[in-house]
N, C-alpha and C. Protein backbone atom coordinates (compact mmCIF):
# COMPACT_ATOMS: atom_id res chain seq x y z
N MET A 1 -96.82 8.25 -175.84
CA MET A 1 -96.33 9.21 -174.87
C MET A 1 -95.30 10.16 -175.50
N LYS A 2 -94.40 9.58 -176.31
CA LYS A 2 -93.39 10.41 -176.96
C LYS A 2 -94.04 11.39 -177.93
N LYS A 3 -95.09 10.92 -178.63
CA LYS A 3 -95.78 11.79 -179.57
C LYS A 3 -96.43 12.97 -178.84
N MET A 4 -97.04 12.68 -177.70
CA MET A 4 -97.70 13.73 -176.93
C MET A 4 -96.68 14.74 -176.42
N LEU A 5 -95.56 14.27 -175.95
CA LEU A 5 -94.50 15.15 -175.47
C LEU A 5 -93.97 16.01 -176.61
N PHE A 6 -93.78 15.41 -177.77
CA PHE A 6 -93.32 16.15 -178.95
C PHE A 6 -94.33 17.24 -179.33
N ILE A 7 -95.60 16.90 -179.33
CA ILE A 7 -96.66 17.86 -179.68
C ILE A 7 -96.67 19.02 -178.67
N LEU A 8 -96.54 18.72 -177.40
CA LEU A 8 -96.52 19.76 -176.37
C LEU A 8 -95.32 20.69 -176.54
N ILE A 9 -94.17 20.13 -176.84
CA ILE A 9 -92.97 20.95 -177.04
C ILE A 9 -93.13 21.83 -178.28
N ALA A 10 -93.65 21.26 -179.35
CA ALA A 10 -93.87 22.03 -180.58
C ALA A 10 -94.88 23.16 -180.34
N LEU A 11 -95.93 22.88 -179.63
CA LEU A 11 -96.95 23.88 -179.32
C LEU A 11 -96.36 25.00 -178.45
N PHE A 12 -95.60 24.63 -177.46
CA PHE A 12 -94.96 25.61 -176.56
C PHE A 12 -93.99 26.49 -177.34
N THR A 13 -93.18 25.91 -178.21
CA THR A 13 -92.21 26.66 -179.01
C THR A 13 -92.92 27.64 -179.95
N THR A 14 -93.98 27.18 -180.58
CA THR A 14 -94.76 28.03 -181.49
C THR A 14 -95.35 29.21 -180.74
N THR A 15 -95.88 28.96 -179.54
CA THR A 15 -96.46 30.02 -178.72
C THR A 15 -95.40 31.05 -178.34
N LEU A 16 -94.21 30.59 -177.96
CA LEU A 16 -93.13 31.51 -177.60
C LEU A 16 -92.73 32.38 -178.78
N ILE A 17 -92.63 31.79 -179.95
CA ILE A 17 -92.25 32.54 -181.15
C ILE A 17 -93.32 33.59 -181.45
N SER A 18 -94.58 33.22 -181.32
CA SER A 18 -95.67 34.16 -181.57
C SER A 18 -95.63 35.33 -180.60
N ILE A 19 -95.38 35.06 -179.34
CA ILE A 19 -95.29 36.12 -178.33
C ILE A 19 -94.12 37.06 -178.65
N GLU A 20 -92.99 36.51 -179.05
CA GLU A 20 -91.83 37.34 -179.39
C GLU A 20 -92.13 38.21 -180.61
N ASP A 21 -92.85 37.67 -181.60
CA ASP A 21 -93.23 38.45 -182.78
C ASP A 21 -94.12 39.62 -182.40
N VAL A 22 -95.09 39.37 -181.55
CA VAL A 22 -96.00 40.43 -181.12
C VAL A 22 -95.24 41.50 -180.35
N GLN A 23 -94.33 41.10 -179.47
CA GLN A 23 -93.53 42.06 -178.71
C GLN A 23 -92.64 42.88 -179.63
N ALA A 24 -92.07 42.26 -180.64
CA ALA A 24 -91.23 42.99 -181.59
C ALA A 24 -92.05 44.00 -182.38
N GLN A 25 -93.25 43.62 -182.79
CA GLN A 25 -94.13 44.54 -183.51
C GLN A 25 -94.53 45.72 -182.64
N GLU A 26 -94.84 45.46 -181.37
CA GLU A 26 -95.21 46.54 -180.44
C GLU A 26 -94.04 47.50 -180.24
N LYS A 27 -92.84 46.96 -180.11
CA LYS A 27 -91.66 47.82 -179.94
C LYS A 27 -91.45 48.68 -181.18
N LYS A 28 -91.63 48.09 -182.36
CA LYS A 28 -91.47 48.84 -183.60
C LYS A 28 -92.50 49.97 -183.68
N LYS A 29 -93.73 49.70 -183.27
CA LYS A 29 -94.76 50.74 -183.27
C LYS A 29 -94.39 51.87 -182.33
N LYS A 30 -93.87 51.53 -181.15
CA LYS A 30 -93.48 52.56 -180.19
C LYS A 30 -92.31 53.38 -180.71
N ASP A 31 -91.38 52.73 -181.41
CA ASP A 31 -90.23 53.43 -181.97
C ASP A 31 -90.66 54.41 -183.06
N ASN A 32 -91.75 54.09 -183.76
CA ASN A 32 -92.24 54.94 -184.84
C ASN A 32 -93.21 56.00 -184.36
N GLN A 33 -93.43 56.10 -183.05
CA GLN A 33 -94.41 57.04 -182.54
C GLN A 33 -93.74 58.11 -181.69
N LYS A 34 -94.12 59.37 -181.94
CA LYS A 34 -93.60 60.49 -181.17
C LYS A 34 -94.73 61.44 -180.82
N THR A 35 -94.41 62.40 -179.98
CA THR A 35 -95.39 63.39 -179.54
C THR A 35 -94.85 64.77 -179.82
N MET A 36 -95.74 65.66 -180.26
CA MET A 36 -95.37 67.06 -180.44
C MET A 36 -96.43 67.93 -179.78
N LYS A 37 -96.02 69.12 -179.41
CA LYS A 37 -96.95 70.08 -178.81
C LYS A 37 -96.80 71.39 -179.56
N ALA A 38 -97.94 72.03 -179.87
CA ALA A 38 -97.90 73.28 -180.62
C ALA A 38 -98.86 74.29 -180.00
N TRP A 39 -98.47 75.56 -180.05
CA TRP A 39 -99.36 76.65 -179.67
C TRP A 39 -100.16 77.00 -180.91
N VAL A 40 -101.47 77.19 -180.73
CA VAL A 40 -102.35 77.48 -181.85
C VAL A 40 -103.22 78.69 -181.49
N SER A 41 -103.43 79.58 -182.46
CA SER A 41 -104.19 80.81 -182.24
C SER A 41 -105.70 80.57 -182.26
N MET A 42 -106.18 79.71 -181.39
CA MET A 42 -107.62 79.45 -181.31
C MET A 42 -108.23 80.27 -180.18
N ASP A 43 -109.52 80.63 -180.35
CA ASP A 43 -110.14 81.52 -179.38
C ASP A 43 -111.39 80.95 -178.71
N CYS A 44 -112.03 79.97 -179.32
CA CYS A 44 -113.33 79.53 -178.80
C CYS A 44 -113.52 78.02 -178.95
N GLU A 45 -114.65 77.55 -178.47
CA GLU A 45 -114.97 76.12 -178.56
C GLU A 45 -115.10 75.66 -180.00
N ASN A 46 -115.60 76.55 -180.88
CA ASN A 46 -115.71 76.19 -182.29
C ASN A 46 -114.33 75.96 -182.91
N CYS A 47 -113.37 76.78 -182.53
CA CYS A 47 -112.00 76.60 -183.01
C CYS A 47 -111.46 75.25 -182.56
N LYS A 48 -111.67 74.95 -181.28
CA LYS A 48 -111.21 73.69 -180.71
C LYS A 48 -111.84 72.51 -181.47
N ALA A 49 -113.15 72.57 -181.68
CA ALA A 49 -113.86 71.49 -182.37
C ALA A 49 -113.37 71.33 -183.81
N LYS A 50 -113.09 72.44 -184.47
CA LYS A 50 -112.62 72.40 -185.86
C LYS A 50 -111.26 71.70 -185.94
N ILE A 51 -110.38 72.02 -185.00
CA ILE A 51 -109.05 71.39 -184.97
C ILE A 51 -109.17 69.90 -184.66
N GLU A 52 -109.97 69.56 -183.64
CA GLU A 52 -110.15 68.16 -183.27
C GLU A 52 -110.71 67.35 -184.45
N LYS A 53 -111.70 67.91 -185.11
CA LYS A 53 -112.37 67.21 -186.20
C LYS A 53 -111.43 66.97 -187.39
N ASN A 54 -110.64 67.96 -187.74
CA ASN A 54 -109.82 67.87 -188.95
C ASN A 54 -108.45 67.23 -188.73
N ILE A 55 -107.77 67.59 -187.67
CA ILE A 55 -106.40 67.09 -187.46
C ILE A 55 -106.39 65.62 -187.05
N ALA A 56 -107.44 65.17 -186.40
CA ALA A 56 -107.52 63.75 -186.00
C ALA A 56 -107.43 62.82 -187.20
N PHE A 57 -107.84 63.30 -188.36
CA PHE A 57 -107.84 62.45 -189.55
C PHE A 57 -106.65 62.70 -190.47
N GLU A 58 -105.71 63.50 -190.04
CA GLU A 58 -104.48 63.68 -190.82
C GLU A 58 -103.71 62.36 -190.81
N LYS A 59 -103.03 62.10 -191.89
CA LYS A 59 -102.25 60.88 -192.04
C LYS A 59 -101.21 60.77 -190.92
N GLY A 60 -101.19 59.64 -190.21
CA GLY A 60 -100.20 59.37 -189.18
C GLY A 60 -100.57 59.81 -187.79
N VAL A 61 -101.66 60.54 -187.61
CA VAL A 61 -102.06 61.01 -186.28
C VAL A 61 -102.70 59.86 -185.52
N LYS A 62 -102.14 59.55 -184.36
CA LYS A 62 -102.68 58.47 -183.52
C LYS A 62 -103.67 59.02 -182.50
N SER A 63 -103.37 60.18 -181.92
CA SER A 63 -104.28 60.82 -180.98
C SER A 63 -103.90 62.28 -180.85
N LEU A 64 -104.85 63.07 -180.38
CA LEU A 64 -104.55 64.47 -180.13
C LEU A 64 -105.39 64.99 -178.98
N GLU A 65 -104.85 66.01 -178.34
CA GLU A 65 -105.53 66.67 -177.23
C GLU A 65 -105.45 68.16 -177.47
N VAL A 66 -106.61 68.82 -177.48
CA VAL A 66 -106.67 70.25 -177.72
C VAL A 66 -107.07 70.92 -176.41
N ASP A 67 -106.22 71.83 -175.92
CA ASP A 67 -106.48 72.54 -174.67
C ASP A 67 -106.73 74.01 -174.98
N LEU A 68 -107.99 74.42 -174.85
CA LEU A 68 -108.37 75.79 -175.20
C LEU A 68 -107.78 76.81 -174.22
N LYS A 69 -107.70 76.45 -172.93
CA LYS A 69 -107.15 77.38 -171.93
C LYS A 69 -105.72 77.80 -172.25
N THR A 70 -104.88 76.83 -172.57
CA THR A 70 -103.48 77.13 -172.85
C THR A 70 -103.22 77.33 -174.34
N LYS A 71 -104.26 77.11 -175.15
CA LYS A 71 -104.17 77.24 -176.61
C LYS A 71 -103.10 76.32 -177.20
N THR A 72 -103.08 75.09 -176.69
CA THR A 72 -102.09 74.13 -177.18
C THR A 72 -102.77 72.89 -177.75
N VAL A 73 -102.07 72.27 -178.67
CA VAL A 73 -102.51 71.00 -179.26
C VAL A 73 -101.35 70.02 -179.08
N THR A 74 -101.64 68.89 -178.47
CA THR A 74 -100.64 67.84 -178.29
C THR A 74 -101.03 66.68 -179.19
N ILE A 75 -100.10 66.26 -180.03
CA ILE A 75 -100.40 65.24 -181.04
C ILE A 75 -99.42 64.08 -180.92
N ASP A 76 -99.96 62.86 -180.82
CA ASP A 76 -99.16 61.64 -180.93
C ASP A 76 -99.25 61.22 -182.39
N TYR A 77 -98.11 61.00 -183.03
CA TYR A 77 -98.11 60.70 -184.46
C TYR A 77 -97.08 59.64 -184.79
N ARG A 78 -97.25 59.03 -185.96
CA ARG A 78 -96.31 58.03 -186.46
C ARG A 78 -95.27 58.73 -187.32
N THR A 79 -94.01 58.52 -187.00
CA THR A 79 -92.92 59.19 -187.72
C THR A 79 -92.76 58.69 -189.15
N ASP A 80 -93.26 57.50 -189.45
CA ASP A 80 -93.16 57.00 -190.82
C ASP A 80 -94.27 57.53 -191.71
N LYS A 81 -95.23 58.24 -191.14
CA LYS A 81 -96.36 58.76 -191.91
C LYS A 81 -96.38 60.30 -191.99
N THR A 82 -95.86 60.97 -190.96
CA THR A 82 -95.92 62.44 -190.93
C THR A 82 -94.79 62.99 -190.06
N ASN A 83 -94.75 64.31 -189.94
CA ASN A 83 -93.76 64.96 -189.08
C ASN A 83 -94.36 66.25 -188.52
N PRO A 84 -93.73 66.87 -187.53
CA PRO A 84 -94.30 68.07 -186.91
C PRO A 84 -94.56 69.21 -187.89
N GLN A 85 -93.71 69.36 -188.88
CA GLN A 85 -93.89 70.45 -189.84
C GLN A 85 -95.16 70.24 -190.68
N LYS A 86 -95.42 69.01 -191.09
CA LYS A 86 -96.64 68.72 -191.85
C LYS A 86 -97.88 68.97 -190.99
N LEU A 87 -97.80 68.59 -189.72
CA LEU A 87 -98.94 68.79 -188.83
C LEU A 87 -99.17 70.27 -188.56
N GLU A 88 -98.08 71.01 -188.43
CA GLU A 88 -98.19 72.47 -188.25
C GLU A 88 -98.86 73.10 -189.48
N LYS A 89 -98.47 72.68 -190.66
CA LYS A 89 -99.07 73.20 -191.90
C LYS A 89 -100.55 72.83 -192.00
N ALA A 90 -100.90 71.65 -191.55
CA ALA A 90 -102.30 71.21 -191.58
C ALA A 90 -103.16 72.10 -190.68
N ILE A 91 -102.62 72.48 -189.54
CA ILE A 91 -103.34 73.40 -188.64
C ILE A 91 -103.47 74.77 -189.29
N GLU A 92 -102.40 75.22 -189.92
CA GLU A 92 -102.42 76.52 -190.58
C GLU A 92 -103.40 76.56 -191.75
N LYS A 93 -103.58 75.43 -192.44
CA LYS A 93 -104.56 75.35 -193.53
C LYS A 93 -105.98 75.57 -193.03
N LEU A 94 -106.21 75.31 -191.75
CA LEU A 94 -107.53 75.53 -191.16
C LEU A 94 -107.76 77.01 -190.84
N GLY A 95 -106.71 77.83 -190.99
CA GLY A 95 -106.85 79.26 -190.76
C GLY A 95 -106.28 79.75 -189.45
N TYR A 96 -105.46 78.95 -188.79
CA TYR A 96 -104.88 79.33 -187.51
C TYR A 96 -103.37 79.48 -187.64
N THR A 97 -102.81 80.26 -186.75
CA THR A 97 -101.36 80.34 -186.63
C THR A 97 -100.93 79.22 -185.71
N ALA A 98 -99.89 78.51 -186.08
CA ALA A 98 -99.40 77.41 -185.25
C ALA A 98 -97.89 77.54 -185.08
N GLU A 99 -97.43 77.19 -183.89
CA GLU A 99 -95.99 77.24 -183.60
C GLU A 99 -95.63 76.04 -182.74
N ILE A 100 -94.70 75.24 -183.23
CA ILE A 100 -94.28 74.05 -182.49
C ILE A 100 -93.56 74.49 -181.22
N ILE A 101 -94.01 73.98 -180.10
CA ILE A 101 -93.41 74.32 -178.80
C ILE A 101 -92.38 73.27 -178.42
N GLU A 102 -92.78 72.01 -178.60
CA GLU A 102 -91.96 70.94 -178.05
C GLU A 102 -92.17 69.66 -178.85
N GLU A 103 -91.08 68.95 -179.03
CA GLU A 103 -91.14 67.62 -179.63
C GLU A 103 -90.60 66.63 -178.62
N GLU A 104 -91.02 65.39 -178.73
CA GLU A 104 -90.61 64.36 -177.79
C GLU A 104 -89.09 64.26 -177.68
N LYS A 105 -88.41 64.34 -178.81
CA LYS A 105 -86.95 64.20 -178.83
C LYS A 105 -86.30 65.31 -177.98
N GLU A 106 -86.80 66.54 -178.12
CA GLU A 106 -86.26 67.65 -177.35
C GLU A 106 -86.51 67.44 -175.86
N LYS A 107 -87.68 66.89 -175.52
CA LYS A 107 -88.01 66.63 -174.12
C LYS A 107 -87.00 65.68 -173.52
N GLU A 108 -86.65 64.62 -174.26
CA GLU A 108 -85.69 63.64 -173.77
C GLU A 108 -84.34 64.27 -173.52
N GLN A 109 -83.90 65.16 -174.41
CA GLN A 109 -82.60 65.80 -174.25
C GLN A 109 -82.58 66.73 -173.04
N LYS A 110 -83.71 67.39 -172.77
CA LYS A 110 -83.79 68.29 -171.62
C LYS A 110 -83.70 67.55 -170.31
N THR A 111 -84.21 66.31 -170.27
CA THR A 111 -84.20 65.55 -169.02
C THR A 111 -82.87 64.85 -168.78
N LYS A 112 -82.01 64.79 -169.79
CA LYS A 112 -80.71 64.11 -169.63
C LYS A 112 -79.72 64.95 -168.89
């Protein structure tokens, strides 16, 4: 009986430690992730497709949304892999003019 109780306690403790590790890793990932928004000089569906195809594979890009109506690109990226200036240059290498409109950090300051 004592052995079974010991095994149950050890198993429960190990599970708790594992859950805490996973939560810490998730928090670290969120801390390393930011969002930026940029205006891009795109005119058509081909422009949109070209940006989606190429920028999605830039180092550190987690997701992106290209809105042709407003001519904006919203990018979720990892701060340890890239930054808004590098992403802006990557868009410009495709032949478009790009201008950063907003970064997550600035958004937070505006709401305070």
